[in-house]
Amino acid sequence: MEQSKITQVFGITPSELKEDILKDVRAELNIIAQNFQPVQPPEYLTRQEVAKILKVSLVTLSDWNKKGILKPYRLGNLIRYKTDELDKALVAINTIKTKQ
């Protein structure tokens, strides 16, 4: 008992229907393309690079790691920091300083 589903459209030719559908799909794709932002892979920095950017010593950097201000990522003996997390950490450091 298989039922076939039939949709009938009156007042439009199949090619006109196809063109209307394509026009709407293209319009939606253009909207998506305008708002599309590619995902940037995270960039990792070494301890020395972070210390130079933040203008602090490696000891201060280690202290901030222990306090949870910065979040280090470890690969064996290597320690790396994400650049986008550094921006957030700077904001957090500034808010702590202004509260004191």
PDB file of N, CA and C in Angstrom:
ATOM      1  N   MET A   1       0.833  -1.193   0.000  1.00  0.00           N
ATOM      2  CA  MET A   1       0.000   0.000   0.000  1.00  0.00           C
ATOM      3  C   MET A   1       0.873   1.250   0.000  1.00  0.00           C
ATOM      4  N   GLU A   2       1.551   1.450  -1.025  1.00  0.00           N
ATOM      5  CA  GLU A   2       2.394   2.623  -1.143  1.00  0.00           C
ATOM      6  C   GLU A   2       1.584   3.771  -1.721  1.00  0.00           C
ATOM      7  N   GLN A   3       1.615   4.897  -1.024  1.00  0.00           N
ATOM      8  CA  GLN A   3       0.897   6.067  -1.504  1.00  0.00           C
ATOM      9  C   GLN A   3       1.899   7.009  -2.148  1.00  0.00           C
ATOM     10  N   SER A   4       1.540   7.500  -3.303  1.00  0.00           N
ATOM     11  CA  SER A   4       2.403   8.483  -3.941  1.00  0.00           C
ATOM     12  C   SER A   4       1.941   9.873  -3.539  1.00  0.00           C
ATOM     13  N   LYS A   5       2.893  10.714  -3.301  1.00  0.00           N
ATOM     14  CA  LYS A   5       2.590  12.086  -2.907  1.00  0.00           C
ATOM     15  C   LYS A   5       2.741  12.965  -4.133  1.00  0.00           C
ATOM     16  N   ILE A   6       1.707  13.683  -4.454  1.00  0.00           N
ATOM     17  CA  ILE A   6       1.704  14.539  -5.629  1.00  0.00           C
ATOM     18  C   ILE A   6       1.395  15.962  -5.178  1.00  0.00           C
ATOM     19  N   THR A   7       2.211  16.887  -5.622  1.00  0.00           N
ATOM     20  CA  THR A   7       1.963  18.296  -5.373  1.00  0.00           C
ATOM     21  C   THR A   7       1.724  18.956  -6.712  1.00  0.00           C
ATOM     22  N   GLN A   8       0.617  19.641  -6.802  1.00  0.00           N
ATOM     23  CA  GLN A   8       0.296  20.322  -8.055  1.00  0.00           C
ATOM     24  C   GLN A   8       0.345  21.823  -7.829  1.00  0.00           C
ATOM     25  N   VAL A   9       0.964  22.491  -8.773  1.00  0.00           N
ATOM     26  CA  VAL A   9       1.079  23.940  -8.724  1.00  0.00           C
ATOM     27  C   VAL A   9       0.427  24.482  -9.991  1.00  0.00           C
ATOM     28  N   PHE A  10      -0.490  25.418  -9.788  1.00  0.00           N
ATOM     29  CA  PHE A  10      -1.206  25.989 -10.932  1.00  0.00           C
ATOM     30  C   PHE A  10      -0.739  27.415 -11.183  1.00  0.00           C
ATOM     31  N   GLY A  11      -0.761  27.797 -12.425  1.00  0.00           N
ATOM     32  CA  GLY A  11      -0.458  29.177 -12.807  1.00  0.00           C
ATOM     33  C   GLY A  11       1.020  29.479 -12.952  1.00  0.00           C
ATOM     34  N   ILE A  12       1.853  28.454 -12.959  1.00  0.00           N
ATOM     35  CA  ILE A  12       3.286  28.672 -13.103  1.00  0.00           C
ATOM     36  C   ILE A  12       3.875  27.469 -13.848  1.00  0.00           C
ATOM     37  N   THR A  13       4.821  27.740 -14.702  1.00  0.00           N
ATOM     38  CA  THR A  13       5.454  26.645 -15.440  1.00  0.00           C
ATOM     39  C   THR A  13       6.558  26.035 -14.576  1.00  0.00           C
ATOM     40  N   PRO A  14       6.949  24.811 -14.886  1.00  0.00           N
ATOM     41  CA  PRO A  14       8.033  24.192 -14.104  1.00  0.00           C
ATOM     42  C   PRO A  14       9.332  25.005 -14.135  1.00  0.00           C
ATOM     43  N   SER A  15       9.664  25.598 -15.262  1.00  0.00           N
ATOM     44  CA  SER A  15      10.894  26.394 -15.327  1.00  0.00           C
ATOM     45  C   SER A  15      10.769  27.667 -14.487  1.00  0.00           C
ATOM     46  N   GLU A  16       9.579  28.279 -14.451  1.00  0.00           N
ATOM     47  CA  GLU A  16       9.373  29.464 -13.610  1.00  0.00           C
ATOM     48  C   GLU A  16       9.474  29.092 -12.126  1.00  0.00           C
ATOM     49  N   LEU A  17       8.913  27.944 -11.761  1.00  0.00           N
ATOM     50  CA  LEU A  17       9.011  27.471 -10.377  1.00  0.00           C
ATOM     51  C   LEU A  17      10.469  27.236 -10.004  1.00  0.00           C
ATOM     52  N   LYS A  18      11.206  26.617 -10.910  1.00  0.00           N
ATOM     53  CA  LYS A  18      12.628  26.354 -10.666  1.00  0.00           C
ATOM     54  C   LYS A  18      13.391  27.659 -10.476  1.00  0.00           C
ATOM     55  N   GLU A  19      13.141  28.639 -11.322  1.00  0.00           N
ATOM     56  CA  GLU A  19      13.821  29.933 -11.235  1.00  0.00           C
ATOM     57  C   GLU A  19      13.469  30.655  -9.936  1.00  0.00           C
ATOM     58  N   ASP A  20      12.198  30.592  -9.522  1.00  0.00           N
ATOM     59  CA  ASP A  20      11.787  31.223  -8.265  1.00  0.00           C
ATOM     60  C   ASP A  20      12.488  30.585  -7.072  1.00  0.00           C
ATOM     61  N   ILE A  21      12.566  29.262  -7.087  1.00  0.00           N
ATOM     62  CA  ILE A  21      13.242  28.560  -5.992  1.00  0.00           C
ATOM     63  C   ILE A  21      14.728  28.915  -5.969  1.00  0.00           C
ATOM     64  N   LEU A  22      15.358  28.904  -7.137  1.00  0.00           N
ATOM     65  CA  LEU A  22      16.779  29.248  -7.216  1.00  0.00           C
ATOM     66  C   LEU A  22      17.034  30.677  -6.752  1.00  0.00           C
ATOM     67  N   LYS A  23      16.161  31.595  -7.120  1.00  0.00           N
ATOM     68  CA  LYS A  23      16.306  32.998  -6.718  1.00  0.00           C
ATOM     69  C   LYS A  23      16.243  33.121  -5.191  1.00  0.00           C
ATOM     70  N   ASP A  24      15.299  32.429  -4.563  1.00  0.00           N
ATOM     71  CA  ASP A  24      15.174  32.485  -3.107  1.00  0.00           C
ATOM     72  C   ASP A  24      16.370  31.833  -2.407  1.00  0.00           C
ATOM     73  N   VAL A  25      16.823  30.718  -2.942  1.00  0.00           N
ATOM     74  CA  VAL A  25      17.976  30.040  -2.348  1.00  0.00           C
ATOM     75  C   VAL A  25      19.221  30.915  -2.468  1.00  0.00           C
ATOM     76  N   ARG A  26      19.418  31.526  -3.624  1.00  0.00           N
ATOM     77  CA  ARG A  26      20.576  32.416  -3.812  1.00  0.00           C
ATOM     78  C   ARG A  26      20.520  33.608  -2.862  1.00  0.00           C
ATOM     79  N   ALA A  27      19.330  34.162  -2.658  1.00  0.00           N
ATOM     80  CA  ALA A  27      19.182  35.289  -1.740  1.00  0.00           C
ATOM     81  C   ALA A  27      19.559  34.873  -0.315  1.00  0.00           C
ATOM     82  N   GLU A  28      19.119  33.716   0.113  1.00  0.00           N
ATOM     83  CA  GLU A  28      19.457  33.220   1.452  1.00  0.00           C
ATOM     84  C   GLU A  28      20.954  32.950   1.575  1.00  0.00           C
ATOM     85  N   LEU A  29      21.550  32.372   0.532  1.00  0.00           N
ATOM     86  CA  LEU A  29      22.987  32.116   0.559  1.00  0.00           C
ATOM     87  C   LEU A  29      23.785  33.415   0.616  1.00  0.00           C
ATOM     88  N   ASN A  30      23.319  34.449  -0.061  1.00  0.00           N
ATOM     89  CA  ASN A  30      23.997  35.746   0.003  1.00  0.00           C
ATOM     90  C   ASN A  30      23.952  36.317   1.412  1.00  0.00           C
ATOM     91  N   ILE A  31      22.822  36.180   2.091  1.00  0.00           N
ATOM     92  CA  ILE A  31      22.698  36.660   3.469  1.00  0.00           C
ATOM     93  C   ILE A  31      23.657  35.898   4.375  1.00  0.00           C
ATOM     94  N   ILE A  32      23.708  34.577   4.205  1.00  0.00           N
ATOM     95  CA  ILE A  32      24.613  33.759   5.011  1.00  0.00           C
ATOM     96  C   ILE A  32      26.061  34.130   4.718  1.00  0.00           C
ATOM     97  N   ALA A  33      26.399  34.339   3.452  1.00  0.00           N
ATOM     98  CA  ALA A  33      27.772  34.676   3.067  1.00  0.00           C
ATOM     99  C   ALA A  33      28.201  36.017   3.649  1.00  0.00           C
ATOM    100  N   GLN A  34      27.292  36.975   3.745  1.00  0.00           N
ATOM    101  CA  GLN A  34      27.623  38.287   4.294  1.00  0.00           C
ATOM    102  C   GLN A  34      27.906  38.200   5.788  1.00  0.00           C
ATOM    103  N   ASN A  35      27.225  37.301   6.485  1.00  0.00           N
ATOM    104  CA  ASN A  35      27.385  37.185   7.933  1.00  0.00           C
ATOM    105  C   ASN A  35      28.399  36.117   8.328  1.00  0.00           C
ATOM    106  N   PHE A  36      28.975  35.438   7.351  1.00  0.00           N
ATOM    107  CA  PHE A  36      29.895  34.345   7.637  1.00  0.00           C
ATOM    108  C   PHE A  36      31.230  34.884   8.117  1.00  0.00           C
ATOM    109  N   GLN A  37      31.715  34.320   9.218  1.00  0.00           N
ATOM    110  CA  GLN A  37      33.035  34.663   9.726  1.00  0.00           C
ATOM    111  C   GLN A  37      33.807  33.357   9.900  1.00  0.00           C
ATOM    112  N   PRO A  38      34.879  33.172   9.163  1.00  0.00           N
ATOM    113  CA  PRO A  38      35.614  31.905   9.280  1.00  0.00           C
ATOM    114  C   PRO A  38      36.212  31.743  10.672  1.00  0.00           C
ATOM    115  N   VAL A  39      36.276  30.522  11.106  1.00  0.00           N
ATOM    116  CA  VAL A  39      36.825  30.222  12.421  1.00  0.00           C
ATOM    117  C   VAL A  39      38.348  30.282  12.333  1.00  0.00           C
ATOM    118  N   GLN A  40      38.922  31.127  13.168  1.00  0.00           N
ATOM    119  CA  GLN A  40      40.370  31.263  13.203  1.00  0.00           C
ATOM    120  C   GLN A  40      40.935  30.209  14.156  1.00  0.00           C
ATOM    121  N   PRO A  41      41.923  29.450  13.737  1.00  0.00           N
ATOM    122  CA  PRO A  41      42.535  28.515  14.680  1.00  0.00           C
ATOM    123  C   PRO A  41      43.252  29.298  15.774  1.00  0.00           C
ATOM    124  N   PRO A  42      43.229  28.799  16.995  1.00  0.00           N
ATOM    125  CA  PRO A  42      43.878  29.549  18.079  1.00  0.00           C
ATOM    126  C   PRO A  42      45.382  29.636  17.861  1.00  0.00           C
ATOM    127  N   GLU A  43      45.921  30.783  18.207  1.00  0.00           N
ATOM    128  CA  GLU A  43      47.360  30.986  18.092  1.00  0.00           C
ATOM    129  C   GLU A  43      47.960  30.847  19.484  1.00  0.00           C
ATOM    130  N   TYR A  44      49.025  30.082  19.585  1.00  0.00           N
ATOM    131  CA  TYR A  44      49.665  29.838  20.869  1.00  0.00           C
ATOM    132  C   TYR A  44      50.988  30.592  20.965  1.00  0.00           C
ATOM    133  N   LEU A  45      51.253  31.133  22.153  1.00  0.00           N
ATOM    134  CA  LEU A  45      52.477  31.877  22.398  1.00  0.00           C
ATOM    135  C   LEU A  45      53.283  31.202  23.500  1.00  0.00           C
ATOM    136  N   THR A  46      54.594  31.384  23.457  1.00  0.00           N
ATOM    137  CA  THR A  46      55.472  30.829  24.492  1.00  0.00           C
ATOM    138  C   THR A  46      55.443  31.725  25.728  1.00  0.00           C
ATOM    139  N   ARG A  47      56.039  31.246  26.807  1.00  0.00           N
ATOM    140  CA  ARG A  47      56.112  32.036  28.037  1.00  0.00           C
ATOM    141  C   ARG A  47      56.894  33.330  27.797  1.00  0.00           C
ATOM    142  N   GLN A  48      57.986  33.223  27.063  1.00  0.00           N
ATOM    143  CA  GLN A  48      58.813  34.404  26.799  1.00  0.00           C
ATOM    144  C   GLN A  48      58.038  35.440  25.989  1.00  0.00           C
ATOM    145  N   GLU A  49      57.291  34.985  24.990  1.00  0.00           N
ATOM    146  CA  GLU A  49      56.510  35.909  24.169  1.00  0.00           C
ATOM    147  C   GLU A  49      55.425  36.594  24.997  1.00  0.00           C
ATOM    148  N   VAL A  50      54.753  35.828  25.865  1.00  0.00           N
ATOM    149  CA  VAL A  50      53.697  36.399  26.710  1.00  0.00           C
ATOM    150  C   VAL A  50      54.285  37.390  27.695  1.00  0.00           C
ATOM    151  N   ALA A  51      55.414  37.040  28.300  1.00  0.00           N
ATOM    152  CA  ALA A  51      56.062  37.947  29.252  1.00  0.00           C
ATOM    153  C   ALA A  51      56.468  39.250  28.567  1.00  0.00           C
ATOM    154  N   LYS A  52      56.933  39.147  27.339  1.00  0.00           N
ATOM    155  CA  LYS A  52      57.327  40.345  26.596  1.00  0.00           C
ATOM    156  C   LYS A  52      56.108  41.191  26.244  1.00  0.00           C
ATOM    157  N   ILE A  53      55.010  40.545  25.826  1.00  0.00           N
ATOM    158  CA  ILE A  53      53.786  41.274  25.470  1.00  0.00           C
ATOM    159  C   ILE A  53      53.207  41.977  26.690  1.00  0.00           C
ATOM    160  N   LEU A  54      53.140  41.251  27.824  1.00  0.00           N
ATOM    161  CA  LEU A  54      52.548  41.813  29.036  1.00  0.00           C
ATOM    162  C   LEU A  54      53.531  42.670  29.821  1.00  0.00           C
ATOM    163  N   LYS A  55      54.796  42.641  29.418  1.00  0.00           N
ATOM    164  CA  LYS A  55      55.865  43.403  30.073  1.00  0.00           C
ATOM    165  C   LYS A  55      55.973  43.051  31.547  1.00  0.00           C
ATOM    166  N   VAL A  56      56.017  41.738  31.792  1.00  0.00           N
ATOM    167  CA  VAL A  56      56.213  41.218  33.148  1.00  0.00           C
ATOM    168  C   VAL A  56      57.317  40.180  33.100  1.00  0.00           C
ATOM    169  N   SER A  57      57.785  39.790  34.283  1.00  0.00           N
ATOM    170  CA  SER A  57      58.838  38.768  34.348  1.00  0.00           C
ATOM    171  C   SER A  57      58.218  37.377  34.267  1.00  0.00           C
ATOM    172  N   LEU A  58      59.070  36.389  34.049  1.00  0.00           N
ATOM    173  CA  LEU A  58      58.602  35.005  34.013  1.00  0.00           C
ATOM    174  C   LEU A  58      58.094  34.571  35.390  1.00  0.00           C
ATOM    175  N   VAL A  59      58.649  35.158  36.450  1.00  0.00           N
ATOM    176  CA  VAL A  59      58.192  34.844  37.806  1.00  0.00           C
ATOM    177  C   VAL A  59      56.752  35.335  37.991  1.00  0.00           C
ATOM    178  N   THR A  60      56.462  36.536  37.525  1.00  0.00           N
ATOM    179  CA  THR A  60      55.099  37.072  37.607  1.00  0.00           C
ATOM    180  C   THR A  60      54.145  36.220  36.788  1.00  0.00           C
ATOM    181  N   LEU A  61      54.595  35.789  35.647  1.00  0.00           N
ATOM    182  CA  LEU A  61      53.788  34.921  34.790  1.00  0.00           C
ATOM    183  C   LEU A  61      53.443  33.617  35.512  1.00  0.00           C
ATOM    184  N   SER A  62      54.427  33.016  36.169  1.00  0.00           N
ATOM    185  CA  SER A  62      54.185  31.785  36.928  1.00  0.00           C
ATOM    186  C   SER A  62      53.218  32.039  38.084  1.00  0.00           C
ATOM    187  N   ASP A  63      53.368  33.190  38.730  1.00  0.00           N
ATOM    188  CA  ASP A  63      52.463  33.552  39.827  1.00  0.00           C
ATOM    189  C   ASP A  63      51.023  33.690  39.324  1.00  0.00           C
ATOM    190  N   TRP A  64      50.847  34.325  38.160  1.00  0.00           N
ATOM    191  CA  TRP A  64      49.507  34.483  37.588  1.00  0.00           C
ATOM    192  C   TRP A  64      48.922  33.135  37.183  1.00  0.00           C
ATOM    193  N   ASN A  65      49.792  32.200  36.773  1.00  0.00           N
ATOM    194  CA  ASN A  65      49.319  30.849  36.453  1.00  0.00           C
ATOM    195  C   ASN A  65      48.755  30.186  37.703  1.00  0.00           C
ATOM    196  N   LYS A  66      49.480  30.300  38.820  1.00  0.00           N
ATOM    197  CA  LYS A  66      49.057  29.688  40.075  1.00  0.00           C
ATOM    198  C   LYS A  66      47.765  30.313  40.591  1.00  0.00           C
ATOM    199  N   LYS A  67      47.613  31.632  40.403  1.00  0.00           N
ATOM    200  CA  LYS A  67      46.410  32.332  40.863  1.00  0.00           C
ATOM    201  C   LYS A  67      45.219  32.127  39.939  1.00  0.00           C
ATOM    202  N   GLY A  68      45.457  31.559  38.763  1.00  0.00           N
ATOM    203  CA  GLY A  68      44.371  31.313  37.823  1.00  0.00           C
ATOM    204  C   GLY A  68      44.047  32.500  36.933  1.00  0.00           C
ATOM    205  N   ILE A  69      44.879  33.509  36.949  1.00  0.00           N
ATOM    206  CA  ILE A  69      44.656  34.676  36.091  1.00  0.00           C
ATOM    207  C   ILE A  69      44.913  34.306  34.638  1.00  0.00           C
ATOM    208  N   LEU A  70      45.969  33.537  34.409  1.00  0.00           N
ATOM    209  CA  LEU A  70      46.284  33.034  33.071  1.00  0.00           C
ATOM    210  C   LEU A  70      46.079  31.526  33.060  1.00  0.00           C
ATOM    211  N   LYS A  71      45.744  31.010  31.891  1.00  0.00           N
ATOM    212  CA  LYS A  71      45.532  29.576  31.761  1.00  0.00           C
ATOM    213  C   LYS A  71      46.595  29.009  30.814  1.00  0.00           C
ATOM    214  N   PRO A  72      47.606  28.342  31.379  1.00  0.00           N
ATOM    215  CA  PRO A  72      48.640  27.760  30.512  1.00  0.00           C
ATOM    216  C   PRO A  72      48.199  26.409  29.955  1.00  0.00           C
ATOM    217  N   TYR A  73      48.668  26.106  28.765  1.00  0.00           N
ATOM    218  CA  TYR A  73      48.436  24.807  28.132  1.00  0.00           C
ATOM    219  C   TYR A  73      49.770  24.094  28.058  1.00  0.00           C
ATOM    220  N   ARG A  74      49.798  22.869  28.513  1.00  0.00           N
ATOM    221  CA  ARG A  74      51.061  22.128  28.569  1.00  0.00           C
ATOM    222  C   ARG A  74      51.099  21.028  27.510  1.00  0.00           C
ATOM    223  N   LEU A  75      52.247  20.945  26.858  1.00  0.00           N
ATOM    224  CA  LEU A  75      52.562  19.859  25.935  1.00  0.00           C
ATOM    225  C   LEU A  75      53.905  19.290  26.382  1.00  0.00           C
ATOM    226  N   GLY A  76      53.859  18.310  27.259  1.00  0.00           N
ATOM    227  CA  GLY A  76      55.105  17.797  27.826  1.00  0.00           C
ATOM    228  C   GLY A  76      55.749  18.864  28.684  1.00  0.00           C
ATOM    229  N   ASN A  77      56.949  19.279  28.314  1.00  0.00           N
ATOM    230  CA  ASN A  77      57.643  20.338  29.045  1.00  0.00           C
ATOM    231  C   ASN A  77      57.328  21.732  28.521  1.00  0.00           C
ATOM    232  N   LEU A  78      56.608  21.807  27.425  1.00  0.00           N
ATOM    233  CA  LEU A  78      56.304  23.102  26.812  1.00  0.00           C
ATOM    234  C   LEU A  78      55.068  23.723  27.446  1.00  0.00           C
ATOM    235  N   ILE A  79      55.102  25.032  27.637  1.00  0.00           N
ATOM    236  CA  ILE A  79      53.945  25.775  28.142  1.00  0.00           C
ATOM    237  C   ILE A  79      53.573  26.799  27.088  1.00  0.00           C
ATOM    238  N   ARG A  80      52.301  26.841  26.743  1.00  0.00           N
ATOM    239  CA  ARG A  80      51.807  27.775  25.732  1.00  0.00           C
ATOM    240  C   ARG A  80      50.558  28.475  26.255  1.00  0.00           C
ATOM    241  N   TYR A  81      50.276  29.650  25.679  1.00  0.00           N
ATOM    242  CA  TYR A  81      49.108  30.446  26.042  1.00  0.00           C
ATOM    243  C   TYR A  81      48.358  30.821  24.774  1.00  0.00           C
ATOM    244  N   LYS A  82      47.035  30.821  24.849  1.00  0.00           N
ATOM    245  CA  LYS A  82      46.223  31.245  23.707  1.00  0.00           C
ATOM    246  C   LYS A  82      46.152  32.771  23.692  1.00  0.00           C
ATOM    247  N   THR A  83      46.293  33.362  22.507  1.00  0.00           N
ATOM    248  CA  THR A  83      46.286  34.820  22.401  1.00  0.00           C
ATOM    249  C   THR A  83      44.940  35.414  22.800  1.00  0.00           C
ATOM    250  N   ASP A  84      43.830  34.769  22.422  1.00  0.00           N
ATOM    251  CA  ASP A  84      42.531  35.335  22.760  1.00  0.00           C
ATOM    252  C   ASP A  84      42.277  35.292  24.269  1.00  0.00           C
ATOM    253  N   GLU A  85      42.845  34.306  24.964  1.00  0.00           N
ATOM    254  CA  GLU A  85      42.694  34.239  26.411  1.00  0.00           C
ATOM    255  C   GLU A  85      43.550  35.290  27.110  1.00  0.00           C
ATOM    256  N   LEU A  86      44.642  35.716  26.468  1.00  0.00           N
ATOM    257  CA  LEU A  86      45.464  36.783  27.042  1.00  0.00           C
ATOM    258  C   LEU A  86      44.686  38.084  27.107  1.00  0.00           C
ATOM    259  N   ASP A  87      43.914  38.367  26.069  1.00  0.00           N
ATOM    260  CA  ASP A  87      43.097  39.581  26.068  1.00  0.00           C
ATOM    261  C   ASP A  87      42.107  39.567  27.226  1.00  0.00           C
ATOM    262  N   LYS A  88      41.462  38.425  27.442  1.00  0.00           N
ATOM    263  CA  LYS A  88      40.508  38.298  28.551  1.00  0.00           C
ATOM    264  C   LYS A  88      41.214  38.434  29.893  1.00  0.00           C
ATOM    265  N   ALA A  89      42.423  37.888  29.995  1.00  0.00           N
ATOM    266  CA  ALA A  89      43.182  37.967  31.240  1.00  0.00           C
ATOM    267  C   ALA A  89      43.573  39.406  31.543  1.00  0.00           C
ATOM    268  N   LEU A  90      43.929  40.159  30.517  1.00  0.00           N
ATOM    269  CA  LEU A  90      44.274  41.566  30.731  1.00  0.00           C
ATOM    270  C   LEU A  90      43.087  42.348  31.273  1.00  0.00           C
ATOM    271  N   VAL A  91      41.913  42.075  30.758  1.00  0.00           N
ATOM    272  CA  VAL A  91      40.713  42.734  31.253  1.00  0.00           C
ATOM    273  C   VAL A  91      40.479  42.356  32.719  1.00  0.00           C
ATOM    274  N   ALA A  92      40.667  41.068  33.034  1.00  0.00           N
ATOM    275  CA  ALA A  92      40.483  40.618  34.412  1.00  0.00           C
ATOM    276  C   ALA A  92      41.506  41.263  35.343  1.00  0.00           C
ATOM    277  N   ILE A  93      42.750  41.372  34.902  1.00  0.00           N
ATOM    278  CA  ILE A  93      43.802  41.998  35.715  1.00  0.00           C
ATOM    279  C   ILE A  93      43.453  43.462  35.976  1.00  0.00           C
ATOM    280  N   ASN A  94      42.990  44.153  34.951  1.00  0.00           N
ATOM    281  CA  ASN A  94      42.633  45.564  35.106  1.00  0.00           C
ATOM    282  C   ASN A  94      41.456  45.753  36.049  1.00  0.00           C
ATOM    283  N   THR A  95      40.478  44.862  35.995  1.00  0.00           N
ATOM    284  CA  THR A  95      39.320  45.000  36.899  1.00  0.00           C
ATOM    285  C   THR A  95      39.740  44.717  38.336  1.00  0.00           C
ATOM    286  N   ILE A  96      40.684  43.798  38.546  1.00  0.00           N
ATOM    287  CA  ILE A  96      41.179  43.520  39.901  1.00  0.00           C
ATOM    288  C   ILE A  96      41.924  44.745  40.448  1.00  0.00           C
ATOM    289  N   LYS A  97      42.733  45.364  39.593  1.00  0.00           N
ATOM    290  CA  LYS A  97      43.494  46.543  40.030  1.00  0.00           C
ATOM    291  C   LYS A  97      42.596  47.723  40.359  1.00  0.00           C
ATOM    292  N   THR A  98      41.522  47.905  39.581  1.00  0.00           N
ATOM    293  CA  THR A  98      40.642  49.045  39.834  1.00  0.00           C
ATOM    294  C   THR A  98      39.797  48.848  41.088  1.00  0.00           C
ATOM    295  N   LYS A  99      39.547  47.597  41.467  1.00  0.00           N
ATOM    296  CA  LYS A  99      38.779  47.324  42.676  1.00  0.00           C
ATOM    297  C   LYS A  99      39.599  47.536  43.935  1.00  0.00           C
ATOM    298  N   GLN A 100      40.915  47.461  43.806  1.00  0.00           N
ATOM    299  CA  GLN A 100      41.770  47.600  45.005  1.00  0.00           C
ATOM    300  C   GLN A 100      41.961  49.007  45.395  1.00  0.00           C
TER     301      GLN A 100
END
